[in-house]
């Protein structure tokens, strides 16, 4: 039996909707007694972006089943981002296969970030659940997986803008520890004496640099060359006066 409910999506949730459904009440027809989660995600909004759902003015869970002529209001985390991290210990991320450059940027800022260009959606969801990691993705459908604890759909396709989104969304400013993780493998970086890594250094690096760091996992060596200066400029652009 066909039934109809009315929906209104607030704030940033409108990013998922077609223009004619943004910031207006609209009708949605469904069969049987569908859950709130199923209905909202059928409309195109992933549950991971939702803070609260009101049905006829009362807060309900995602498992609540809708009835004919229900009026449903759906709220994002806008301005209440601290609620995202309740129950999550460390700020750890897992990224989809399209976000390799963002993964490097998050590692540069010191965040534990898993990324492989061979990760499937199933693998990402499993890692997120098992390790309580935040999923970052450009794939809306990935965030509809019910086992993902926290996730965010990146609006921009440009790395610096994506990084700014993540910093703002998860309030990362006070947690940034630049240059403490390997940008290649995500391992921790520690200071090492020059003699310990001398054979790995290019000739000019041996001559002009004395301060070195090494990944404890892949053994990649880092020093404060021109690449370091470029990364510092990126951090300054992101954090401004906070850096």
Foldseek 3Di string as FASTA:
>chain_A
DKAKEKEAEDDPQQLQADPVRHRDIDMDIDDDWDFQLVVVVVRPGAPQFWDFKDWVRHTDDRRHTDDHHIYIYTYGCVVVLVVLCVVPDFAAAEEALLCLVLLLLVVQQPHQYHYDNPDDLVNRLVCCQVVVYEYEYCDSVSSNPPSRSHYDHQPDSDNLSSNLVVCVNNVCLVPGDGPQADSPGRAGKDWDFCVVCVVVDDPVCNVPDGTWIAGPPPGDIDDCDPVVVVSVVSVCVNQPPSD
